[in-house]
């Protein structure tokens, strides 16, 4: 059976190093078999982010790609928290925030960048409940911020 790391390789995705929090919080908390991952942004490389408002500075397609980058950041945190993505049982919920220009209302299409990645990687275990919210600004002007709640397999299973 193909594992998640093998699927990442097939998709040409290399996980970045575990990101450091921007303020006084931790990147994740683990409670029983549920992992809560703090909001992540669309990091291009160390110190560089996708910034701007979708619908004003960025197109829906650029927002979608930014959300996909956030999905990769979330996977990096999950991997760092668990030691292996193969401990992921399923993605329970994704909360997505889109830095939106005036009148922009297509936040779900943007957050699909992350959701599609999770389904592509995990199949039905990647399907999740979700919220897509438009906001007038995000920390450091990033285009998208997404947090995740993940059900995990117990260690050693």
N, C-alpha and C. Protein backbone atom coordinates (compact mmCIF):
# COMPACT_ATOMS: atom_id res chain seq x y z
N UNK A 1 0.84 -1.19 0.00
CA UNK A 1 0.00 0.00 0.00
C UNK A 1 0.88 1.26 0.00
N UNK A 2 0.55 2.19 -0.87
CA UNK A 2 1.33 3.42 -0.99
C UNK A 2 1.11 4.32 0.24
N UNK A 3 2.20 4.85 0.79
CA UNK A 3 2.05 5.73 1.94
C UNK A 3 2.00 7.20 1.50
N UNK A 4 1.71 8.06 2.46
CA UNK A 4 1.52 9.48 2.13
C UNK A 4 2.82 10.11 1.64
N UNK A 5 3.95 9.74 2.23
CA UNK A 5 5.23 10.30 1.78
C UNK A 5 5.50 9.94 0.32
N UNK A 6 5.15 8.71 -0.09
CA UNK A 6 5.31 8.31 -1.49
C UNK A 6 4.43 9.16 -2.40
N UNK A 7 3.21 9.44 -1.97
CA UNK A 7 2.31 10.28 -2.77
C UNK A 7 2.84 11.70 -2.89
N UNK A 8 3.42 12.23 -1.81
CA UNK A 8 4.04 13.56 -1.87
C UNK A 8 5.13 13.59 -2.94
N UNK A 9 5.96 12.56 -2.93
CA UNK A 9 7.04 12.48 -3.91
C UNK A 9 6.48 12.44 -5.33
N UNK A 10 5.44 11.64 -5.55
CA UNK A 10 4.82 11.56 -6.88
C UNK A 10 4.24 12.89 -7.32
N UNK A 11 3.75 13.68 -6.34
CA UNK A 11 3.19 15.00 -6.66
C UNK A 11 4.28 16.07 -6.78
N UNK A 12 5.53 15.68 -6.52
CA UNK A 12 6.64 16.63 -6.62
C UNK A 12 6.68 17.65 -5.48
N UNK A 13 6.14 17.27 -4.32
CA UNK A 13 6.07 18.18 -3.18
C UNK A 13 7.13 17.81 -2.16
N UNK A 14 7.94 18.80 -1.79
CA UNK A 14 8.90 18.66 -0.71
C UNK A 14 8.42 19.52 0.44
N UNK A 15 8.29 18.94 1.60
CA UNK A 15 7.81 19.70 2.76
C UNK A 15 8.90 20.64 3.25
N UNK A 16 8.53 21.87 3.56
CA UNK A 16 9.50 22.81 4.14
C UNK A 16 9.77 22.44 5.59
N UNK A 17 10.75 23.10 6.19
CA UNK A 17 11.02 22.88 7.61
C UNK A 17 9.85 23.41 8.42
N UNK A 18 9.73 22.90 9.63
CA UNK A 18 8.65 23.31 10.51
C UNK A 18 8.74 24.82 10.74
N UNK A 19 7.68 25.56 10.41
CA UNK A 19 7.73 27.01 10.56
C UNK A 19 7.71 27.43 12.03
N UNK A 20 8.34 28.57 12.30
CA UNK A 20 8.33 29.12 13.66
C UNK A 20 7.13 30.05 13.80
N UNK A 21 6.46 30.03 14.95
CA UNK A 21 5.33 30.93 15.17
C UNK A 21 5.77 32.39 15.09
N UNK A 22 4.84 33.26 14.64
CA UNK A 22 5.11 34.69 14.51
C UNK A 22 4.90 35.44 15.83
N UNK A 23 4.28 34.80 16.81
CA UNK A 23 3.95 35.48 18.06
C UNK A 23 3.92 34.44 19.19
N UNK A 24 3.21 34.73 20.27
CA UNK A 24 3.19 33.90 21.46
C UNK A 24 2.14 32.79 21.34
N UNK A 25 2.45 31.78 20.56
CA UNK A 25 1.60 30.60 20.41
C UNK A 25 2.47 29.45 19.92
N UNK A 26 1.91 28.25 19.92
CA UNK A 26 2.63 27.08 19.43
C UNK A 26 2.04 26.68 18.07
N UNK A 27 2.84 26.01 17.23
CA UNK A 27 2.35 25.66 15.90
C UNK A 27 1.25 24.60 15.89
N UNK A 28 1.15 23.83 16.99
CA UNK A 28 0.13 22.79 17.06
C UNK A 28 -0.10 22.42 18.52
N UNK A 29 -1.26 21.82 18.78
CA UNK A 29 -1.51 21.16 20.05
C UNK A 29 -2.15 19.82 19.74
N UNK A 30 -1.84 18.85 20.60
CA UNK A 30 -2.36 17.51 20.42
C UNK A 30 -3.21 17.17 21.63
N UNK A 31 -4.45 16.76 21.40
CA UNK A 31 -5.35 16.36 22.47
C UNK A 31 -5.93 15.00 22.11
N UNK A 32 -5.42 13.96 22.74
CA UNK A 32 -5.88 12.61 22.40
C UNK A 32 -5.50 12.26 20.98
N UNK A 33 -6.51 11.94 20.19
CA UNK A 33 -6.26 11.59 18.79
C UNK A 33 -6.60 12.73 17.84
N UNK A 34 -6.62 13.97 18.35
CA UNK A 34 -6.92 15.13 17.51
C UNK A 34 -5.77 16.12 17.58
N UNK A 35 -5.28 16.51 16.42
CA UNK A 35 -4.21 17.49 16.29
C UNK A 35 -4.81 18.79 15.78
N UNK A 36 -4.55 19.88 16.51
CA UNK A 36 -5.01 21.21 16.12
C UNK A 36 -3.81 21.97 15.59
N UNK A 37 -3.87 22.40 14.34
CA UNK A 37 -2.75 23.09 13.71
C UNK A 37 -3.08 24.57 13.60
N UNK A 38 -2.19 25.40 14.16
CA UNK A 38 -2.36 26.85 14.10
C UNK A 38 -2.39 27.34 12.66
N UNK A 39 -2.97 28.51 12.47
CA UNK A 39 -3.04 29.11 11.14
C UNK A 39 -1.67 29.26 10.51
N UNK A 40 -1.59 28.92 9.24
CA UNK A 40 -0.36 29.01 8.45
C UNK A 40 -0.60 29.92 7.26
N UNK A 41 0.49 30.48 6.76
CA UNK A 41 0.40 31.36 5.60
C UNK A 41 1.10 30.77 4.39
N UNK A 42 0.95 31.45 3.24
CA UNK A 42 1.50 30.95 1.98
C UNK A 42 2.97 31.33 1.82
N UNK A 43 3.84 30.50 2.36
CA UNK A 43 5.28 30.77 2.32
C UNK A 43 5.85 30.28 0.99
N UNK A 44 6.54 31.17 0.29
CA UNK A 44 7.23 30.80 -0.95
C UNK A 44 8.58 30.18 -0.59
N UNK A 45 9.32 30.88 0.25
CA UNK A 45 10.57 30.38 0.83
C UNK A 45 10.81 31.20 2.08
N UNK A 46 11.85 30.88 2.82
CA UNK A 46 12.11 31.55 4.09
C UNK A 46 12.05 33.06 3.94
N UNK A 47 11.13 33.67 4.69
CA UNK A 47 11.01 35.13 4.68
C UNK A 47 10.19 35.71 3.55
N UNK A 48 9.75 34.89 2.63
CA UNK A 48 8.96 35.39 1.49
C UNK A 48 7.57 34.75 1.50
N UNK A 49 6.58 35.59 1.36
CA UNK A 49 5.18 35.17 1.42
C UNK A 49 4.42 35.68 0.22
N UNK A 50 3.32 35.02 -0.11
CA UNK A 50 2.38 35.56 -1.09
C UNK A 50 1.55 36.58 -0.31
N UNK A 51 1.63 37.84 -0.75
CA UNK A 51 0.94 38.93 -0.06
C UNK A 51 -0.04 39.61 -1.01
N UNK A 52 -1.04 40.23 -0.43
CA UNK A 52 -1.99 41.02 -1.20
C UNK A 52 -3.42 40.55 -1.00
N UNK A 53 -4.33 41.34 -1.52
CA UNK A 53 -5.74 41.03 -1.42
C UNK A 53 -6.21 40.34 -2.69
N UNK A 54 -6.90 39.22 -2.50
CA UNK A 54 -7.47 38.50 -3.63
C UNK A 54 -8.66 39.31 -4.13
N UNK A 55 -8.75 39.46 -5.43
CA UNK A 55 -9.80 40.28 -6.02
C UNK A 55 -9.36 41.71 -6.27
N UNK A 56 -8.23 42.08 -5.69
CA UNK A 56 -7.66 43.42 -5.90
C UNK A 56 -6.24 43.29 -6.46
N UNK A 57 -5.34 42.69 -5.67
CA UNK A 57 -3.94 42.52 -6.08
C UNK A 57 -3.67 41.17 -6.73
N UNK A 58 -4.50 40.19 -6.39
CA UNK A 58 -4.30 38.82 -6.87
C UNK A 58 -5.59 38.29 -7.49
N UNK A 59 -5.44 37.42 -8.48
CA UNK A 59 -6.60 36.77 -9.09
C UNK A 59 -7.05 35.60 -8.22
N UNK A 60 -8.21 35.06 -8.51
CA UNK A 60 -8.69 33.86 -7.83
C UNK A 60 -7.68 32.73 -8.01
N UNK A 61 -7.12 32.59 -9.21
CA UNK A 61 -6.16 31.52 -9.48
C UNK A 61 -4.90 31.69 -8.64
N UNK A 62 -4.43 32.93 -8.49
CA UNK A 62 -3.26 33.18 -7.64
C UNK A 62 -3.59 32.90 -6.18
N UNK A 63 -4.80 33.24 -5.77
CA UNK A 63 -5.24 32.93 -4.41
C UNK A 63 -5.30 31.43 -4.19
N UNK A 64 -5.80 30.70 -5.18
CA UNK A 64 -5.87 29.24 -5.12
C UNK A 64 -4.47 28.65 -4.92
N UNK A 65 -3.51 29.13 -5.70
CA UNK A 65 -2.12 28.65 -5.58
C UNK A 65 -1.54 29.00 -4.21
N UNK A 66 -1.89 30.18 -3.68
CA UNK A 66 -1.45 30.57 -2.35
C UNK A 66 -2.03 29.61 -1.30
N UNK A 67 -3.29 29.26 -1.45
CA UNK A 67 -3.93 28.32 -0.51
C UNK A 67 -3.29 26.94 -0.61
N UNK A 68 -2.87 26.54 -1.79
CA UNK A 68 -2.17 25.26 -1.95
C UNK A 68 -0.83 25.31 -1.20
N UNK A 69 -0.13 26.43 -1.30
CA UNK A 69 1.11 26.60 -0.54
C UNK A 69 0.86 26.49 0.97
N UNK A 70 -0.26 27.06 1.42
CA UNK A 70 -0.61 26.97 2.83
C UNK A 70 -0.86 25.50 3.19
N UNK A 71 -1.52 24.77 2.32
CA UNK A 71 -1.74 23.33 2.56
C UNK A 71 -0.41 22.60 2.77
N UNK A 72 0.60 22.95 1.99
CA UNK A 72 1.92 22.34 2.14
C UNK A 72 2.53 22.73 3.49
N UNK A 73 2.35 23.99 3.90
CA UNK A 73 2.83 24.43 5.22
C UNK A 73 2.13 23.64 6.33
N UNK A 74 0.81 23.46 6.18
CA UNK A 74 0.06 22.68 7.17
C UNK A 74 0.60 21.26 7.26
N UNK A 75 0.88 20.66 6.11
CA UNK A 75 1.43 19.30 6.10
C UNK A 75 2.79 19.26 6.79
N UNK A 76 3.59 20.31 6.63
CA UNK A 76 4.90 20.37 7.30
C UNK A 76 4.72 20.38 8.82
N UNK A 77 3.73 21.14 9.30
CA UNK A 77 3.47 21.18 10.74
C UNK A 77 2.96 19.83 11.23
N UNK A 78 2.04 19.24 10.47
CA UNK A 78 1.50 17.92 10.85
C UNK A 78 2.63 16.89 10.92
N UNK A 79 3.50 16.90 9.91
CA UNK A 79 4.63 15.98 9.89
C UNK A 79 5.56 16.22 11.08
N UNK A 80 5.82 17.49 11.38
CA UNK A 80 6.67 17.82 12.52
C UNK A 80 6.05 17.41 13.84
N UNK A 81 4.74 17.52 13.94
CA UNK A 81 4.05 17.17 15.17
C UNK A 81 4.00 15.66 15.39
N UNK A 82 3.82 14.92 14.32
CA UNK A 82 3.58 13.48 14.42
C UNK A 82 4.77 12.61 14.07
N UNK A 83 5.76 13.20 13.39
CA UNK A 83 6.91 12.41 12.96
C UNK A 83 6.70 11.70 11.64
N UNK A 84 5.45 11.61 11.21
CA UNK A 84 5.12 10.98 9.93
C UNK A 84 3.70 11.35 9.53
N UNK A 85 3.53 11.68 8.27
CA UNK A 85 2.18 11.97 7.77
C UNK A 85 1.33 10.71 7.71
N UNK A 86 1.95 9.55 7.79
CA UNK A 86 1.19 8.31 7.75
C UNK A 86 0.35 8.10 9.00
N UNK A 87 0.53 8.93 10.02
CA UNK A 87 -0.31 8.86 11.22
C UNK A 87 -1.63 9.61 11.02
N UNK A 88 -1.77 10.35 9.91
CA UNK A 88 -3.02 11.07 9.64
C UNK A 88 -4.11 10.06 9.32
N UNK A 89 -5.18 10.11 10.09
CA UNK A 89 -6.34 9.26 9.82
C UNK A 89 -7.27 9.98 8.85
N UNK A 90 -7.55 11.26 9.15
CA UNK A 90 -8.34 12.07 8.24
C UNK A 90 -8.26 13.54 8.65
N UNK A 91 -8.53 14.39 7.70
CA UNK A 91 -8.64 15.82 7.97
C UNK A 91 -10.08 16.06 8.41
N UNK A 92 -10.26 16.60 9.60
CA UNK A 92 -11.61 16.82 10.11
C UNK A 92 -12.19 18.16 9.66
N UNK A 93 -11.39 19.23 9.78
CA UNK A 93 -11.91 20.56 9.47
C UNK A 93 -10.79 21.48 9.05
N UNK A 94 -11.11 22.37 8.13
CA UNK A 94 -10.20 23.41 7.66
C UNK A 94 -10.93 24.74 7.81
N UNK A 95 -10.26 25.72 8.42
CA UNK A 95 -10.79 27.07 8.51
C UNK A 95 -9.89 27.97 7.67
N UNK A 96 -10.45 28.56 6.62
CA UNK A 96 -9.67 29.37 5.71
C UNK A 96 -10.07 30.83 5.75
N UNK A 97 -9.07 31.70 5.77
CA UNK A 97 -9.27 33.14 5.78
C UNK A 97 -8.57 33.73 4.55
N UNK A 98 -9.32 34.49 3.78
CA UNK A 98 -8.80 35.06 2.55
C UNK A 98 -8.74 36.58 2.70
N UNK A 99 -7.56 37.15 2.50
CA UNK A 99 -7.39 38.59 2.49
C UNK A 99 -8.08 39.08 1.21
N UNK A 100 -9.26 39.67 1.38
CA UNK A 100 -10.15 39.94 0.25
C UNK A 100 -10.27 41.43 -0.07
N UNK A 101 -10.17 41.73 -1.36
CA UNK A 101 -10.41 43.09 -1.82
C UNK A 101 -11.88 43.44 -1.70
N UNK A 102 -12.20 44.73 -1.80
CA UNK A 102 -13.60 45.16 -1.69
C UNK A 102 -14.50 44.43 -2.69
N UNK A 103 -15.60 43.90 -2.19
CA UNK A 103 -16.57 43.23 -3.06
C UNK A 103 -16.21 41.82 -3.47
N UNK A 104 -15.04 41.32 -3.07
CA UNK A 104 -14.65 39.97 -3.45
C UNK A 104 -15.46 38.96 -2.65
N UNK A 105 -16.03 37.97 -3.32
CA UNK A 105 -16.89 37.00 -2.65
C UNK A 105 -16.64 35.55 -3.03
N UNK A 106 -15.50 35.26 -3.66
CA UNK A 106 -15.24 33.90 -4.11
C UNK A 106 -14.21 33.18 -3.22
N UNK A 107 -14.31 33.40 -1.91
CA UNK A 107 -13.38 32.77 -0.97
C UNK A 107 -13.35 31.25 -1.07
N UNK A 108 -14.51 30.56 -1.27
CA UNK A 108 -14.46 29.10 -1.37
C UNK A 108 -13.55 28.61 -2.51
N UNK A 109 -13.55 29.31 -3.65
CA UNK A 109 -12.70 28.91 -4.77
C UNK A 109 -11.22 29.05 -4.42
N UNK A 110 -10.89 30.03 -3.59
CA UNK A 110 -9.51 30.22 -3.16
C UNK A 110 -9.10 29.09 -2.22
N UNK A 111 -9.89 28.84 -1.19
CA UNK A 111 -9.55 27.82 -0.19
C UNK A 111 -9.55 26.42 -0.80
N UNK A 112 -10.20 26.24 -1.95
CA UNK A 112 -10.12 24.96 -2.66
C UNK A 112 -8.67 24.56 -2.95
N UNK A 113 -7.76 25.54 -3.04
CA UNK A 113 -6.36 25.20 -3.28
C UNK A 113 -5.82 24.27 -2.21
N UNK A 114 -6.18 24.51 -0.98
CA UNK A 114 -5.77 23.65 0.14
C UNK A 114 -6.60 22.37 0.16
N UNK A 115 -7.90 22.51 0.03
CA UNK A 115 -8.79 21.35 0.09
C UNK A 115 -8.47 20.34 -1.02
N UNK A 116 -8.25 20.85 -2.24
CA UNK A 116 -7.93 19.96 -3.36
C UNK A 116 -6.63 19.21 -3.10
N UNK A 117 -5.63 19.88 -2.51
CA UNK A 117 -4.37 19.23 -2.19
C UNK A 117 -4.59 18.09 -1.20
N UNK A 118 -5.38 18.34 -0.15
CA UNK A 118 -5.62 17.31 0.85
C UNK A 118 -6.33 16.10 0.24
N UNK A 119 -7.29 16.32 -0.64
CA UNK A 119 -8.01 15.22 -1.27
C UNK A 119 -7.10 14.49 -2.26
N UNK A 120 -6.29 15.24 -3.00
CA UNK A 120 -5.34 14.65 -3.94
C UNK A 120 -4.35 13.74 -3.19
N UNK A 121 -3.94 14.16 -2.02
CA UNK A 121 -2.95 13.42 -1.24
C UNK A 121 -3.55 12.28 -0.43
N UNK A 122 -4.74 12.53 0.17
CA UNK A 122 -5.31 11.58 1.13
C UNK A 122 -6.57 10.88 0.65
N UNK A 123 -7.08 11.21 -0.52
CA UNK A 123 -8.32 10.62 -0.99
C UNK A 123 -9.48 11.02 -0.08
N UNK A 124 -10.38 10.10 0.20
CA UNK A 124 -11.55 10.42 1.04
C UNK A 124 -11.15 10.89 2.43
N UNK A 125 -10.00 10.45 2.95
CA UNK A 125 -9.55 10.90 4.26
C UNK A 125 -9.17 12.38 4.26
N UNK A 126 -9.01 12.95 3.07
CA UNK A 126 -8.70 14.38 2.94
C UNK A 126 -9.93 15.25 2.84
N UNK A 127 -11.11 14.65 2.66
CA UNK A 127 -12.36 15.43 2.59
C UNK A 127 -12.71 15.89 4.01
N UNK A 128 -13.11 17.14 4.12
CA UNK A 128 -13.25 17.73 5.44
C UNK A 128 -14.38 18.75 5.50
N UNK A 129 -14.82 19.04 6.71
CA UNK A 129 -15.71 20.18 6.93
C UNK A 129 -14.85 21.43 6.74
N UNK A 130 -15.48 22.57 6.38
CA UNK A 130 -14.67 23.73 6.05
C UNK A 130 -15.43 25.03 6.22
N UNK A 131 -14.67 26.06 6.55
CA UNK A 131 -15.16 27.43 6.56
C UNK A 131 -14.24 28.25 5.69
N UNK A 132 -14.82 29.12 4.86
CA UNK A 132 -14.04 30.04 4.02
C UNK A 132 -14.54 31.45 4.30
N UNK A 133 -13.66 32.27 4.86
CA UNK A 133 -14.06 33.60 5.31
C UNK A 133 -13.22 34.66 4.61
N UNK A 134 -13.86 35.74 4.20
CA UNK A 134 -13.14 36.89 3.65
C UNK A 134 -12.87 37.89 4.75
N UNK A 135 -11.63 38.38 4.80
CA UNK A 135 -11.23 39.39 5.79
C UNK A 135 -10.56 40.54 5.07
N UNK A 136 -10.51 41.70 5.73
CA UNK A 136 -9.94 42.89 5.09
C UNK A 136 -8.42 42.95 5.19
N UNK A 137 -7.82 42.12 6.05
CA UNK A 137 -6.37 42.08 6.18
C UNK A 137 -5.98 40.84 6.97
N UNK A 138 -4.74 40.40 6.76
CA UNK A 138 -4.17 39.28 7.51
C UNK A 138 -2.77 39.68 7.96
N UNK A 139 -2.19 38.98 8.95
CA UNK A 139 -0.86 39.34 9.42
C UNK A 139 0.16 39.49 8.29
N UNK A 140 0.93 40.56 8.35
CA UNK A 140 1.97 40.87 7.37
C UNK A 140 1.44 40.95 5.94
N UNK A 141 0.14 41.15 5.80
CA UNK A 141 -0.45 41.31 4.47
C UNK A 141 -0.53 40.04 3.65
N UNK A 142 -0.38 38.85 4.30
CA UNK A 142 -0.43 37.60 3.54
C UNK A 142 -1.81 37.43 2.90
N UNK A 143 -1.84 36.68 1.81
CA UNK A 143 -3.07 36.54 1.02
C UNK A 143 -4.06 35.56 1.65
N UNK A 144 -3.56 34.54 2.32
CA UNK A 144 -4.42 33.47 2.84
C UNK A 144 -3.83 32.95 4.15
N UNK A 145 -4.70 32.64 5.09
CA UNK A 145 -4.29 31.93 6.30
C UNK A 145 -5.27 30.79 6.53
N UNK A 146 -4.73 29.60 6.84
CA UNK A 146 -5.58 28.43 7.02
C UNK A 146 -5.11 27.66 8.24
N UNK A 147 -6.09 27.18 9.03
CA UNK A 147 -5.80 26.29 10.15
C UNK A 147 -6.51 24.97 9.90
N UNK A 148 -6.06 23.92 10.58
CA UNK A 148 -6.64 22.59 10.34
C UNK A 148 -6.79 21.81 11.65
N UNK A 149 -7.78 20.94 11.63
CA UNK A 149 -8.01 19.99 12.72
C UNK A 149 -7.92 18.60 12.09
N UNK A 150 -7.07 17.75 12.67
CA UNK A 150 -6.73 16.47 12.05
C UNK A 150 -6.93 15.33 13.05
N UNK A 151 -7.61 14.28 12.62
CA UNK A 151 -7.71 13.06 13.42
C UNK A 151 -6.50 12.20 13.08
N UNK A 152 -5.87 11.61 14.12
CA UNK A 152 -4.67 10.83 13.88
C UNK A 152 -4.82 9.40 14.39
N UNK A 153 -4.00 8.52 13.79
CA UNK A 153 -3.89 7.15 14.28
C UNK A 153 -3.02 7.18 15.53
N UNK A 154 -3.34 6.37 16.53
CA UNK A 154 -2.48 6.30 17.71
C UNK A 154 -1.06 5.87 17.31
N UNK A 155 -0.08 6.33 18.08
CA UNK A 155 1.30 5.95 17.81
C UNK A 155 1.43 4.44 17.88
N UNK A 156 2.18 3.89 16.92
CA UNK A 156 2.42 2.45 16.89
C UNK A 156 1.32 1.65 16.19
N UNK A 157 0.30 2.33 15.65
CA UNK A 157 -0.76 1.58 14.96
C UNK A 157 -0.53 1.53 13.48
